Amino acid sequence: LAPRVTTFVDARVRQHEATGPMARFMRSRALEVSEVDATLHRLRATQADQVRLHFDDELAALTRARRDDVVATVATLTSFEAWDQCVVDHERTGAQIRRAWSTALTRLLDPAD
């Protein structure tokens, strides 16, 4: 689990760092442009699918309700909005975000933890 959590968290942080300005712009337009809003919803659905695929082994052991809860929580926790709040409001660095997200994901996904 640990290497997969690291890989997942690193990929999400790199993605958000690379797309930050464009992601902020898109979100600012989503309330006015329905196509942008629809695109953001599709992106969030894709990111939830990525969680399901990446952590399939851990999720398979859960009930459907618990699995859905974990997928929604991981997708939300590692979303652009969460990353942006960590950077802007909490003045967290990429390393600090990686550490916090890795700890949280491990606790959510590790049945022994």
C-alpha atoms as a PDB file:
ATOM      1  CA  LEU A   1       0.000   0.000   0.000  1.00  0.00           C
ATOM      2  CA  ALA A   2       2.712   2.510   0.952  1.00  0.00           C
ATOM      3  CA  PRO A   3       4.342   2.739  -2.498  1.00  0.00           C
ATOM      4  CA  ARG A   4       0.952   3.063  -4.195  1.00  0.00           C
ATOM      5  CA  VAL A   5      -0.112   5.823  -1.798  1.00  0.00           C
ATOM      6  CA  THR A   6       3.165   7.643  -2.510  1.00  0.00           C
ATOM      7  CA  THR A   7       2.729   7.280  -6.266  1.00  0.00           C
ATOM      8  CA  PHE A   8      -0.880   8.446  -6.132  1.00  0.00           C
ATOM      9  CA  VAL A   9      -0.194  11.445  -3.893  1.00  0.00           C
ATOM     10  CA  ASP A  10       2.871  12.497  -5.905  1.00  0.00           C
ATOM     11  CA  ALA A  11       0.878  12.364  -9.140  1.00  0.00           C
ATOM     12  CA  ARG A  12      -1.975  14.438  -7.728  1.00  0.00           C
ATOM     13  CA  VAL A  13       0.316  17.085  -6.218  1.00  0.00           C
ATOM     14  CA  ARG A  14       2.340  17.358  -9.450  1.00  0.00           C
ATOM     15  CA  GLN A  15      -0.875  17.669 -11.452  1.00  0.00           C
ATOM     16  CA  HIS A  16      -2.226  20.442  -9.240  1.00  0.00           C
ATOM     17  CA  GLU A  17       1.088  22.310  -9.201  1.00  0.00           C
ATOM     18  CA  ALA A  18       1.251  22.185 -12.997  1.00  0.00           C
ATOM     19  CA  THR A  19      -2.361  23.159 -13.658  1.00  0.00           C
ATOM     20  CA  GLY A  20      -2.994  25.589 -10.782  1.00  0.00           C
ATOM     21  CA  PRO A  21      -3.556  28.823 -12.713  1.00  0.00           C
ATOM     22  CA  MET A  22      -5.743  27.166 -15.366  1.00  0.00           C
ATOM     23  CA  ALA A  23      -7.676  25.194 -12.754  1.00  0.00           C
ATOM     24  CA  ARG A  24      -8.423  28.367 -10.804  1.00  0.00           C
ATOM     25  CA  PHE A  25      -9.579  30.101 -14.004  1.00  0.00           C
ATOM     26  CA  MET A  26     -11.848  27.198 -14.958  1.00  0.00           C
ATOM     27  CA  ARG A  27     -13.463  27.146 -11.550  1.00  0.00           C
ATOM     28  CA  SER A  28     -14.054  30.892 -11.712  1.00  0.00           C
ATOM     29  CA  ARG A  29     -15.924  30.414 -14.999  1.00  0.00           C
ATOM     30  CA  ALA A  30     -17.890  27.302 -14.034  1.00  0.00           C
ATOM     31  CA  LEU A  31     -20.797  29.255 -12.538  1.00  0.00           C
ATOM     32  CA  GLU A  32     -21.256  31.221 -15.750  1.00  0.00           C
ATOM     33  CA  VAL A  33     -20.391  28.659 -18.437  1.00  0.00           C
ATOM     34  CA  SER A  34     -22.294  25.385 -18.243  1.00  0.00           C
ATOM     35  CA  GLU A  35     -19.776  23.571 -20.476  1.00  0.00           C
ATOM     36  CA  VAL A  36     -16.977  24.400 -18.050  1.00  0.00           C
ATOM     37  CA  ASP A  37     -19.098  23.197 -15.136  1.00  0.00           C
ATOM     38  CA  ALA A  38     -19.841  19.949 -16.982  1.00  0.00           C
ATOM     39  CA  THR A  39     -16.145  19.488 -17.736  1.00  0.00           C
ATOM     40  CA  LEU A  40     -15.268  19.885 -14.052  1.00  0.00           C
ATOM     41  CA  HIS A  41     -17.870  17.265 -13.095  1.00  0.00           C
ATOM     42  CA  ARG A  42     -16.428  14.853 -15.677  1.00  0.00           C
ATOM     43  CA  LEU A  43     -12.925  15.513 -14.355  1.00  0.00           C
ATOM     44  CA  ARG A  44     -14.044  14.762 -10.800  1.00  0.00           C
ATOM     45  CA  ALA A  45     -15.717  11.536 -11.947  1.00  0.00           C
ATOM     46  CA  THR A  46     -12.515  10.533 -13.743  1.00  0.00           C
ATOM     47  CA  GLN A  47     -10.469  11.223 -10.637  1.00  0.00           C
ATOM     48  CA  ALA A  48     -12.833   9.051  -8.571  1.00  0.00           C
ATOM     49  CA  ASP A  49     -12.395   6.282 -11.159  1.00  0.00           C
ATOM     50  CA  GLN A  50      -8.627   6.649 -10.772  1.00  0.00           C
ATOM     51  CA  VAL A  51      -8.996   6.138  -7.015  1.00  0.00           C
ATOM     52  CA  ARG A  52     -11.020   2.971  -7.636  1.00  0.00           C
ATOM     53  CA  LEU A  53      -8.422   1.587 -10.040  1.00  0.00           C
ATOM     54  CA  HIS A  54      -5.336   2.565  -8.071  1.00  0.00           C
ATOM     55  CA  PHE A  55      -6.597   1.182  -4.757  1.00  0.00           C
ATOM     56  CA  ASP A  56      -8.683  -1.708  -6.064  1.00  0.00           C
ATOM     57  CA  ASP A  57      -7.106  -4.261  -3.701  1.00  0.00           C
ATOM     58  CA  GLU A  58      -8.003  -2.292  -0.585  1.00  0.00           C
ATOM     59  CA  LEU A  59     -11.431  -1.251  -1.820  1.00  0.00           C
ATOM     60  CA  ALA A  60     -12.414  -4.785  -2.812  1.00  0.00           C
ATOM     61  CA  ALA A  61     -12.360  -5.848   0.832  1.00  0.00           C
ATOM     62  CA  LEU A  62     -14.923  -3.208   1.839  1.00  0.00           C
ATOM     63  CA  THR A  63     -18.693  -3.186   1.746  1.00  0.00           C
ATOM     64  CA  ARG A  64     -20.158  -1.197  -1.125  1.00  0.00           C
ATOM     65  CA  ALA A  65     -21.221   1.661   1.152  1.00  0.00           C
ATOM     66  CA  ARG A  66     -17.805   1.865   2.837  1.00  0.00           C
ATOM     67  CA  ARG A  67     -16.043   1.617  -0.556  1.00  0.00           C
ATOM     68  CA  ASP A  68     -18.133   4.488  -1.918  1.00  0.00           C
ATOM     69  CA  ASP A  69     -17.374   6.537   1.212  1.00  0.00           C
ATOM     70  CA  VAL A  70     -13.638   5.928   0.899  1.00  0.00           C
ATOM     71  CA  VAL A  71     -13.568   6.734  -2.836  1.00  0.00           C
ATOM     72  CA  ALA A  72     -15.465   9.995  -2.281  1.00  0.00           C
ATOM     73  CA  THR A  73     -13.235  10.938   0.643  1.00  0.00           C
ATOM     74  CA  VAL A  74      -9.964  10.198  -1.179  1.00  0.00           C
ATOM     75  CA  ALA A  75     -11.126  11.996  -4.323  1.00  0.00           C
ATOM     76  CA  THR A  76     -12.189  15.041  -2.309  1.00  0.00           C
ATOM     77  CA  LEU A  77      -9.107  15.057  -0.095  1.00  0.00           C
ATOM     78  CA  THR A  78      -6.786  15.024  -3.125  1.00  0.00           C
ATOM     79  CA  SER A  79      -8.853  17.359  -5.291  1.00  0.00           C
ATOM     80  CA  PHE A  80      -7.600  20.605  -6.758  1.00  0.00           C
ATOM     81  CA  GLU A  81      -9.851  22.505  -4.368  1.00  0.00           C
ATOM     82  CA  ALA A  82      -8.279  20.794  -1.345  1.00  0.00           C
ATOM     83  CA  TRP A  83      -4.768  21.343  -2.691  1.00  0.00           C
ATOM     84  CA  ASP A  84      -5.488  24.997  -3.443  1.00  0.00           C
ATOM     85  CA  GLN A  85      -6.845  25.596   0.047  1.00  0.00           C
ATOM     86  CA  CYS A  86      -3.773  23.948   1.571  1.00  0.00           C
ATOM     87  CA  VAL A  87      -1.449  26.144  -0.518  1.00  0.00           C
ATOM     88  CA  VAL A  88      -3.307  29.461  -0.346  1.00  0.00           C
ATOM     89  CA  ASP A  89      -5.094  29.449   3.008  1.00  0.00           C
ATOM     90  CA  HIS A  90      -2.802  27.228   5.046  1.00  0.00           C
ATOM     91  CA  GLU A  91       0.478  28.132   3.326  1.00  0.00           C
ATOM     92  CA  ARG A  92       1.506  24.481   3.016  1.00  0.00           C
ATOM     93  CA  THR A  93       4.343  23.371   0.763  1.00  0.00           C
ATOM     94  CA  GLY A  94       4.130  20.480  -1.672  1.00  0.00           C
ATOM     95  CA  ALA A  95       6.138  18.325   0.748  1.00  0.00           C
ATOM     96  CA  GLN A  96       3.800  19.154   3.611  1.00  0.00           C
ATOM     97  CA  ILE A  97       0.747  18.367   1.518  1.00  0.00           C
ATOM     98  CA  ARG A  98       2.285  15.073   0.394  1.00  0.00           C
ATOM     99  CA  ARG A  99       2.973  14.098   4.011  1.00  0.00           C
ATOM    100  CA  ALA A 100      -0.543  14.971   5.197  1.00  0.00           C
ATOM    101  CA  TRP A 101      -2.304  13.315   2.271  1.00  0.00           C
ATOM    102  CA  SER A 102      -0.149  10.184   2.528  1.00  0.00           C
ATOM    103  CA  THR A 103      -0.971   9.847   6.225  1.00  0.00           C
ATOM    104  CA  ALA A 104      -4.682  10.362   5.605  1.00  0.00           C
ATOM    105  CA  LEU A 105      -4.881   7.935   2.679  1.00  0.00           C
ATOM    106  CA  THR A 106      -2.972   5.261   4.565  1.00  0.00           C
ATOM    107  CA  ARG A 107      -5.358   5.556   7.510  1.00  0.00           C
ATOM    108  CA  LEU A 108      -8.372   5.374   5.223  1.00  0.00           C
ATOM    109  CA  LEU A 109      -7.138   2.423   3.176  1.00  0.00           C
ATOM    110  CA  ASP A 110      -5.096   0.273   5.579  1.00  0.00           C
ATOM    111  CA  PRO A 111      -7.413  -2.115   7.452  1.00  0.00           C
ATOM    112  CA  ALA A 112      -4.704  -2.732  10.058  1.00  0.00           C
ATOM    113  CA  ASP A 113      -4.220   0.957  10.766  1.00  0.00           C
END
